[in-house]
Protein backbone atom coordinates (compact mmCIF):
# COMPACT_ATOMS: atom_id res chain seq x y z
CA MET A 1 109.99 98.80 88.33
CA ASN A 2 109.70 102.09 86.46
CA ILE A 3 108.05 105.27 87.71
CA THR A 4 104.85 104.78 85.73
CA ALA A 5 104.35 101.24 87.02
CA GLN A 6 105.06 102.25 90.62
CA VAL A 7 102.66 105.20 90.53
CA LEU A 8 99.96 103.04 88.91
CA GLU A 9 100.45 100.45 91.65
CA ILE A 10 100.20 103.05 94.42
CA ILE A 11 97.04 104.57 92.96
CA ALA A 12 95.54 101.13 92.31
CA GLN A 13 96.10 100.18 95.96
CA GLN A 14 94.20 103.28 97.10
CA ALA A 15 91.38 102.55 94.66
CA LEU A 16 91.31 98.86 95.64
CA LEU A 17 91.92 97.91 92.00
CA GLN A 18 94.49 95.98 90.04
CA PRO A 19 97.18 98.21 88.45
CA GLY A 20 96.00 97.10 85.00
CA ASP A 21 92.57 98.58 85.72
CA VAL A 22 94.02 102.06 86.26
CA LYS A 23 94.32 104.05 83.03
CA ILE A 24 96.41 107.14 82.35
CA GLU A 25 93.32 109.18 81.47
CA HIS A 26 91.47 108.33 84.70
CA THR A 27 90.93 111.01 87.30
CA LEU A 28 91.18 110.13 90.97
CA GLU A 29 87.44 110.74 91.17
CA ASP A 30 86.88 108.18 88.38
CA LEU A 31 88.73 105.68 90.55
CA GLY A 32 86.76 106.51 93.69
CA ILE A 33 89.74 108.02 95.50
CA ASP A 34 88.63 110.66 98.00
CA SER A 35 90.70 113.39 99.65
CA LEU A 36 92.03 111.03 102.33
CA GLY A 37 93.01 108.52 99.66
CA LEU A 38 94.75 111.30 97.76
CA VAL A 39 96.78 112.29 100.81
CA GLU A 40 97.69 108.65 101.46
CA SER A 41 98.72 108.29 97.81
CA ILE A 42 100.94 111.38 98.05
CA PHE A 43 102.63 110.00 101.18
CA ALA A 44 103.17 106.64 99.45
CA ILE A 45 104.64 108.36 96.38
CA GLU A 46 106.98 110.44 98.56
CA GLU A 47 108.16 107.32 100.36
CA ALA A 48 108.54 105.20 97.22
CA PHE A 49 110.63 107.77 95.36
CA ASP A 50 112.25 109.59 98.31
CA ILE A 51 110.90 112.93 97.08
CA ASN A 52 108.96 115.83 98.58
CA VAL A 53 105.72 116.45 96.71
CA PRO A 54 104.64 120.11 96.68
CA PHE A 55 101.07 119.36 97.71
CA ASN A 56 98.77 121.20 100.08
CA ALA A 57 95.90 119.03 101.34
CA ASN A 58 93.93 122.18 102.16
CA ASP A 59 94.15 123.32 98.52
CA PRO A 60 94.63 120.17 96.38
CA SER A 61 94.10 121.92 93.06
CA GLY A 62 96.58 124.69 93.88
CA GLY A 63 100.32 124.37 93.78
CA ASP A 64 102.72 122.84 91.32
CA PHE A 65 101.69 119.18 91.62
CA ASP A 66 99.11 118.38 88.95
CA ILE A 67 96.51 115.86 90.16
CA THR A 68 94.03 116.28 87.30
CA SER A 69 94.60 112.74 86.02
CA VAL A 70 96.70 109.66 86.64
CA GLY A 71 98.87 110.65 83.68
CA ALA A 72 99.42 114.12 85.12
CA ILE A 73 100.46 112.63 88.46
CA ILE A 74 102.92 110.30 86.72
CA LYS A 75 104.41 113.20 84.75
CA ALA A 76 104.73 115.31 87.91
CA VAL A 77 106.47 112.47 89.76
CA GLN A 78 108.84 111.92 86.84
CA THR A 79 109.75 115.61 86.92
CA LEU A 80 110.34 115.58 90.68
CA VAL A 81 112.52 112.46 90.46
CA GLN A 82 114.49 113.93 87.54
CA ASP A 83 114.99 117.24 89.36
CA GLN A 84 116.34 115.35 92.35
CA THR A 85 119.18 113.73 90.39
C-alpha cells in the first residue's frame, strides 16, 4: 500500500468513513475529526510509517507539519518518510 492510500485509510478510520469517501481537498473539520481524533491520527501515522511527526497538540496549527487538508497531511508524511531514507 502506498503512502497516500495508508494516510487516507488512517484518516477515514478516525472519521468513521470509507477511504474512498475521503478526498484530498477535505479538511479534518470537513470530516468531523476533532482535536482528539487528530492526535490519534498522528499517532497512527507515526506507527504506520515509523516516523516522528513534528506536531504539538497544544498548538496544532504551529510547527512544520501542515494539517490544513488531507492532501497537505499526505504531502507532509511523504516528506518525512523520504527524509528518513
